[in-house]
């Protein structure tokens, strides 16, 4: 069993396809890694995770109905506190990739980003395109979920991506 800690960063767990991937991947890694941690604000779907998986939740406990960006910020602060003490962790970001990448690079922590934002959604705005391209390229690995998405990312941003 690998002694490295792996942290899955997903501030909001709803009930869609990205979440299904999180359940499958986190449960798989819980058999391979000594410590698997989910950093999230959500508490609703805990029963979907292996019992060995730990949760890193913000200490402030507001209602689930607070603004999504506030959830992101609260989770980022929790992740920051955790990573200061656990620099050997590997972070796997499922949401809020830009913020998470910046935090990990600031703390010199390895990060895998799962991109679920198609370039067609952001490449029309040159400022967004520039920022996204520069920051996403800082990831140690960028994953996408289809061959077509991979082709778009390579064509629009010229960064190396892997298809899962």
C-alpha atoms as a PDB file:
ATOM      1  CA  UNK A   1       0.000   0.000   0.000  1.00  0.00           C
ATOM      2  CA  UNK A   2       1.322   3.431  -0.970  1.00  0.00           C
ATOM      3  CA  UNK A   3       2.006   5.696   2.032  1.00  0.00           C
ATOM      4  CA  UNK A   4       1.378   8.865   0.075  1.00  0.00           C
ATOM      5  CA  UNK A   5      -1.807  10.786   0.861  1.00  0.00           C
ATOM      6  CA  UNK A   6      -4.193  11.597  -1.953  1.00  0.00           C
ATOM      7  CA  UNK A   7      -6.690  14.427  -1.571  1.00  0.00           C
ATOM      8  CA  UNK A   8      -9.685  14.710  -3.877  1.00  0.00           C
ATOM      9  CA  UNK A   9     -10.791  18.329  -4.098  1.00  0.00           C
ATOM     10  CA  UNK A  10     -14.480  18.710  -4.895  1.00  0.00           C
ATOM     11  CA  UNK A  11     -16.074  21.540  -2.899  1.00  0.00           C
ATOM     12  CA  UNK A  12     -19.618  20.667  -3.945  1.00  0.00           C
ATOM     13  CA  UNK A  13     -20.838  17.124  -4.512  1.00  0.00           C
ATOM     14  CA  UNK A  14     -24.152  17.149  -6.333  1.00  0.00           C
ATOM     15  CA  UNK A  15     -25.620  14.114  -8.032  1.00  0.00           C
ATOM     16  CA  UNK A  16     -24.283  14.130 -11.592  1.00  0.00           C
ATOM     17  CA  UNK A  17     -21.702  12.407 -13.744  1.00  0.00           C
ATOM     18  CA  UNK A  18     -18.649  14.136 -12.274  1.00  0.00           C
ATOM     19  CA  UNK A  19     -19.731  12.928  -8.854  1.00  0.00           C
ATOM     20  CA  UNK A  20     -20.151   9.365 -10.116  1.00  0.00           C
ATOM     21  CA  UNK A  21     -16.554   9.506 -11.378  1.00  0.00           C
ATOM     22  CA  UNK A  22     -15.430  10.823  -7.989  1.00  0.00           C
ATOM     23  CA  UNK A  23     -17.113   7.905  -6.170  1.00  0.00           C
ATOM     24  CA  UNK A  24     -15.526   5.325  -8.472  1.00  0.00           C
ATOM     25  CA  UNK A  25     -12.033   6.841  -8.504  1.00  0.00           C
ATOM     26  CA  UNK A  26     -11.870   7.657  -4.782  1.00  0.00           C
ATOM     27  CA  UNK A  27     -13.075   4.184  -3.818  1.00  0.00           C
ATOM     28  CA  UNK A  28     -10.537   2.596  -6.177  1.00  0.00           C
ATOM     29  CA  UNK A  29      -7.682   4.637  -4.713  1.00  0.00           C
ATOM     30  CA  UNK A  30      -8.782   3.875  -1.157  1.00  0.00           C
ATOM     31  CA  UNK A  31      -7.570   0.316  -1.860  1.00  0.00           C
ATOM     32  CA  UNK A  32      -4.196   1.523  -3.203  1.00  0.00           C
ATOM     33  CA  UNK A  33      -3.301   4.424  -0.915  1.00  0.00           C
ATOM     34  CA  UNK A  34      -2.922   4.501   2.837  1.00  0.00           C
ATOM     35  CA  UNK A  35      -4.863   7.756   3.197  1.00  0.00           C
ATOM     36  CA  UNK A  36      -7.540   9.012   0.852  1.00  0.00           C
ATOM     37  CA  UNK A  37      -9.166  12.290   1.768  1.00  0.00           C
ATOM     38  CA  UNK A  38     -12.133  14.081   0.194  1.00  0.00           C
ATOM     39  CA  UNK A  39     -12.083  17.861   0.608  1.00  0.00           C
ATOM     40  CA  UNK A  40     -15.680  18.987   0.240  1.00  0.00           C
ATOM     41  CA  UNK A  41     -18.360  21.138   1.785  1.00  0.00           C
ATOM     42  CA  UNK A  42     -21.020  18.545   1.001  1.00  0.00           C
ATOM     43  CA  UNK A  43     -22.064  15.826   3.424  1.00  0.00           C
ATOM     44  CA  UNK A  44     -24.971  14.313   1.502  1.00  0.00           C
ATOM     45  CA  UNK A  45     -23.256  11.447  -0.355  1.00  0.00           C
ATOM     46  CA  UNK A  46     -20.837  10.108   2.260  1.00  0.00           C
ATOM     47  CA  UNK A  47     -22.424   6.669   2.134  1.00  0.00           C
ATOM     48  CA  UNK A  48     -21.186   6.294  -1.473  1.00  0.00           C
ATOM     49  CA  UNK A  49     -17.554   6.320  -0.299  1.00  0.00           C
ATOM     50  CA  UNK A  50     -15.496   3.514   1.206  1.00  0.00           C
ATOM     51  CA  UNK A  51     -15.460   3.724   5.020  1.00  0.00           C
ATOM     52  CA  UNK A  52     -11.642   4.118   4.993  1.00  0.00           C
ATOM     53  CA  UNK A  53     -11.926   7.484   3.208  1.00  0.00           C
ATOM     54  CA  UNK A  54     -11.539  10.522   5.446  1.00  0.00           C
ATOM     55  CA  UNK A  55     -13.259  13.862   4.918  1.00  0.00           C
ATOM     56  CA  UNK A  56     -11.760  17.310   5.129  1.00  0.00           C
ATOM     57  CA  UNK A  57     -14.602  19.753   5.680  1.00  0.00           C
ATOM     58  CA  UNK A  58     -14.520  23.460   6.477  1.00  0.00           C
ATOM     59  CA  UNK A  59     -14.931  24.162  10.184  1.00  0.00           C
ATOM     60  CA  UNK A  60     -17.579  26.771   9.463  1.00  0.00           C
ATOM     61  CA  UNK A  61     -20.797  24.927   8.912  1.00  0.00           C
ATOM     62  CA  UNK A  62     -23.332  26.977   7.016  1.00  0.00           C
ATOM     63  CA  UNK A  63     -26.355  25.633   5.242  1.00  0.00           C
ATOM     64  CA  UNK A  64     -25.771  23.673   2.032  1.00  0.00           C
ATOM     65  CA  UNK A  65     -27.562  26.494   0.195  1.00  0.00           C
ATOM     66  CA  UNK A  66     -24.736  29.036   0.454  1.00  0.00           C
ATOM     67  CA  UNK A  67     -23.151  30.383  -2.726  1.00  0.00           C
ATOM     68  CA  UNK A  68     -20.944  27.920  -4.631  1.00  0.00           C
ATOM     69  CA  UNK A  69     -17.964  30.304  -4.658  1.00  0.00           C
ATOM     70  CA  UNK A  70     -18.156  30.603  -0.869  1.00  0.00           C
ATOM     71  CA  UNK A  71     -18.039  26.792  -0.658  1.00  0.00           C
ATOM     72  CA  UNK A  72     -14.972  26.862  -2.912  1.00  0.00           C
ATOM     73  CA  UNK A  73     -13.235  29.418  -0.703  1.00  0.00           C
ATOM     74  CA  UNK A  74     -14.057  27.578   2.525  1.00  0.00           C
ATOM     75  CA  UNK A  75     -12.773  24.319   1.067  1.00  0.00           C
ATOM     76  CA  UNK A  76      -9.639  25.999  -0.287  1.00  0.00           C
ATOM     77  CA  UNK A  77      -8.871  27.347   3.168  1.00  0.00           C
ATOM     78  CA  UNK A  78      -9.332  23.849   4.667  1.00  0.00           C
ATOM     79  CA  UNK A  79      -7.111  22.382   1.961  1.00  0.00           C
ATOM     80  CA  UNK A  80      -4.485  25.068   2.570  1.00  0.00           C
ATOM     81  CA  UNK A  81      -4.339  24.240   6.287  1.00  0.00           C
ATOM     82  CA  UNK A  82      -4.082  20.511   5.546  1.00  0.00           C
ATOM     83  CA  UNK A  83      -1.387  20.862   2.870  1.00  0.00           C
ATOM     84  CA  UNK A  84       0.805  23.107   5.016  1.00  0.00           C
ATOM     85  CA  UNK A  85       1.284  20.079   7.268  1.00  0.00           C
ATOM     86  CA  UNK A  86       1.166  17.424   4.518  1.00  0.00           C
ATOM     87  CA  UNK A  87       3.338  18.625   1.635  1.00  0.00           C
ATOM     88  CA  UNK A  88       3.856  15.072   0.396  1.00  0.00           C
ATOM     89  CA  UNK A  89       0.170  14.750  -0.504  1.00  0.00           C
ATOM     90  CA  UNK A  90      -1.092  14.511  -4.055  1.00  0.00           C
ATOM     91  CA  UNK A  91      -4.145  16.618  -4.909  1.00  0.00           C
ATOM     92  CA  UNK A  92      -6.677  15.481  -7.502  1.00  0.00           C
ATOM     93  CA  UNK A  93      -8.896  18.435  -8.374  1.00  0.00           C
ATOM     94  CA  UNK A  94     -12.397  17.795  -9.697  1.00  0.00           C
ATOM     95  CA  UNK A  95     -13.753  21.365  -9.329  1.00  0.00           C
ATOM     96  CA  UNK A  96     -12.436  24.904  -8.972  1.00  0.00           C
ATOM     97  CA  UNK A  97      -9.273  23.835 -10.762  1.00  0.00           C
ATOM     98  CA  UNK A  98      -7.822  27.308 -11.215  1.00  0.00           C
ATOM     99  CA  UNK A  99      -7.963  28.088  -7.490  1.00  0.00           C
ATOM    100  CA  UNK A 100      -6.731  24.648  -6.503  1.00  0.00           C
ATOM    101  CA  UNK A 101      -3.813  24.719  -8.947  1.00  0.00           C
ATOM    102  CA  UNK A 102      -2.678  28.117  -7.659  1.00  0.00           C
ATOM    103  CA  UNK A 103      -2.854  26.902  -4.060  1.00  0.00           C
ATOM    104  CA  UNK A 104      -0.926  23.713  -4.808  1.00  0.00           C
ATOM    105  CA  UNK A 105       1.768  25.515  -6.763  1.00  0.00           C
ATOM    106  CA  UNK A 106       2.115  28.076  -3.966  1.00  0.00           C
ATOM    107  CA  UNK A 107       2.688  25.197  -1.501  1.00  0.00           C
ATOM    108  CA  UNK A 108       4.784  23.141  -3.956  1.00  0.00           C
ATOM    109  CA  UNK A 109       2.330  20.213  -3.913  1.00  0.00           C
ATOM    110  CA  UNK A 110       1.708  17.917  -6.889  1.00  0.00           C
ATOM    111  CA  UNK A 111      -1.697  18.319  -8.563  1.00  0.00           C
ATOM    112  CA  UNK A 112      -3.758  16.412 -11.097  1.00  0.00           C
ATOM    113  CA  UNK A 113      -6.572  18.464 -12.631  1.00  0.00           C
ATOM    114  CA  UNK A 114      -9.636  16.898 -14.158  1.00  0.00           C
ATOM    115  CA  UNK A 115     -10.941  19.436 -16.610  1.00  0.00           C
ATOM    116  CA  UNK A 116     -14.645  19.369 -17.306  1.00  0.00           C
ATOM    117  CA  UNK A 117     -14.859  22.813 -18.930  1.00  0.00           C
ATOM    118  CA  UNK A 118     -14.801  22.503 -22.669  1.00  0.00           C
ATOM    119  CA  UNK A 119     -12.638  25.094 -24.431  1.00  0.00           C
ATOM    120  CA  UNK A 120     -15.680  26.117 -26.457  1.00  0.00           C
ATOM    121  CA  UNK A 121     -17.046  27.669 -23.251  1.00  0.00           C
ATOM    122  CA  UNK A 122     -14.102  29.963 -22.553  1.00  0.00           C
ATOM    123  CA  UNK A 123     -12.021  30.489 -25.713  1.00  0.00           C
ATOM    124  CA  UNK A 124     -14.209  33.335 -27.020  1.00  0.00           C
ATOM    125  CA  UNK A 125     -12.951  35.626 -24.260  1.00  0.00           C
ATOM    126  CA  UNK A 126      -9.229  36.342 -24.767  1.00  0.00           C
ATOM    127  CA  UNK A 127      -8.589  37.250 -21.114  1.00  0.00           C
ATOM    128  CA  UNK A 128     -10.237  34.052 -19.823  1.00  0.00           C
ATOM    129  CA  UNK A 129      -8.394  32.046 -22.467  1.00  0.00           C
ATOM    130  CA  UNK A 130      -5.028  33.499 -21.444  1.00  0.00           C
ATOM    131  CA  UNK A 131      -5.614  32.984 -17.703  1.00  0.00           C
ATOM    132  CA  UNK A 132      -7.045  29.486 -18.096  1.00  0.00           C
ATOM    133  CA  UNK A 133      -4.254  28.367 -20.419  1.00  0.00           C
ATOM    134  CA  UNK A 134      -1.479  29.693 -18.183  1.00  0.00           C
ATOM    135  CA  UNK A 135      -2.874  28.308 -14.953  1.00  0.00           C
ATOM    136  CA  UNK A 136      -4.116  24.906 -16.186  1.00  0.00           C
ATOM    137  CA  UNK A 137      -0.680  24.288 -17.727  1.00  0.00           C
ATOM    138  CA  UNK A 138       0.800  24.495 -14.205  1.00  0.00           C
ATOM    139  CA  UNK A 139      -0.913  21.194 -13.317  1.00  0.00           C
ATOM    140  CA  UNK A 140       1.366  18.212 -13.141  1.00  0.00           C
ATOM    141  CA  UNK A 141      -1.230  16.261 -15.131  1.00  0.00           C
ATOM    142  CA  UNK A 142      -4.407  17.444 -16.889  1.00  0.00           C
ATOM    143  CA  UNK A 143      -7.116  14.837 -17.481  1.00  0.00           C
ATOM    144  CA  UNK A 144     -10.153  15.070 -19.742  1.00  0.00           C
ATOM    145  CA  UNK A 145     -12.947  12.578 -20.289  1.00  0.00           C
ATOM    146  CA  UNK A 146     -13.113  12.166 -24.071  1.00  0.00           C
ATOM    147  CA  UNK A 147     -10.923  12.043 -27.165  1.00  0.00           C
ATOM    148  CA  UNK A 148     -12.862  14.954 -28.702  1.00  0.00           C
ATOM    149  CA  UNK A 149     -12.321  17.067 -25.566  1.00  0.00           C
ATOM    150  CA  UNK A 150      -8.605  16.194 -25.660  1.00  0.00           C
ATOM    151  CA  UNK A 151      -8.366  17.346 -29.303  1.00  0.00           C
ATOM    152  CA  UNK A 152     -10.131  20.626 -28.433  1.00  0.00           C
ATOM    153  CA  UNK A 153      -7.793  21.272 -25.498  1.00  0.00           C
ATOM    154  CA  UNK A 154      -4.685  20.611 -27.575  1.00  0.00           C
ATOM    155  CA  UNK A 155      -5.937  22.758 -30.462  1.00  0.00           C
ATOM    156  CA  UNK A 156      -7.142  25.701 -28.335  1.00  0.00           C
ATOM    157  CA  UNK A 157      -4.613  25.774 -25.506  1.00  0.00           C
ATOM    158  CA  UNK A 158      -1.591  23.830 -26.781  1.00  0.00           C
ATOM    159  CA  UNK A 159      -1.171  21.997 -23.477  1.00  0.00           C
ATOM    160  CA  UNK A 160      -0.546  18.306 -22.930  1.00  0.00           C
ATOM    161  CA  UNK A 161      -3.656  16.479 -21.746  1.00  0.00           C
ATOM    162  CA  UNK A 162      -4.513  12.853 -21.061  1.00  0.00           C
ATOM    163  CA  UNK A 163      -7.832  11.187 -21.773  1.00  0.00           C
ATOM    164  CA  UNK A 164      -9.307   8.857 -19.158  1.00  0.00           C
END
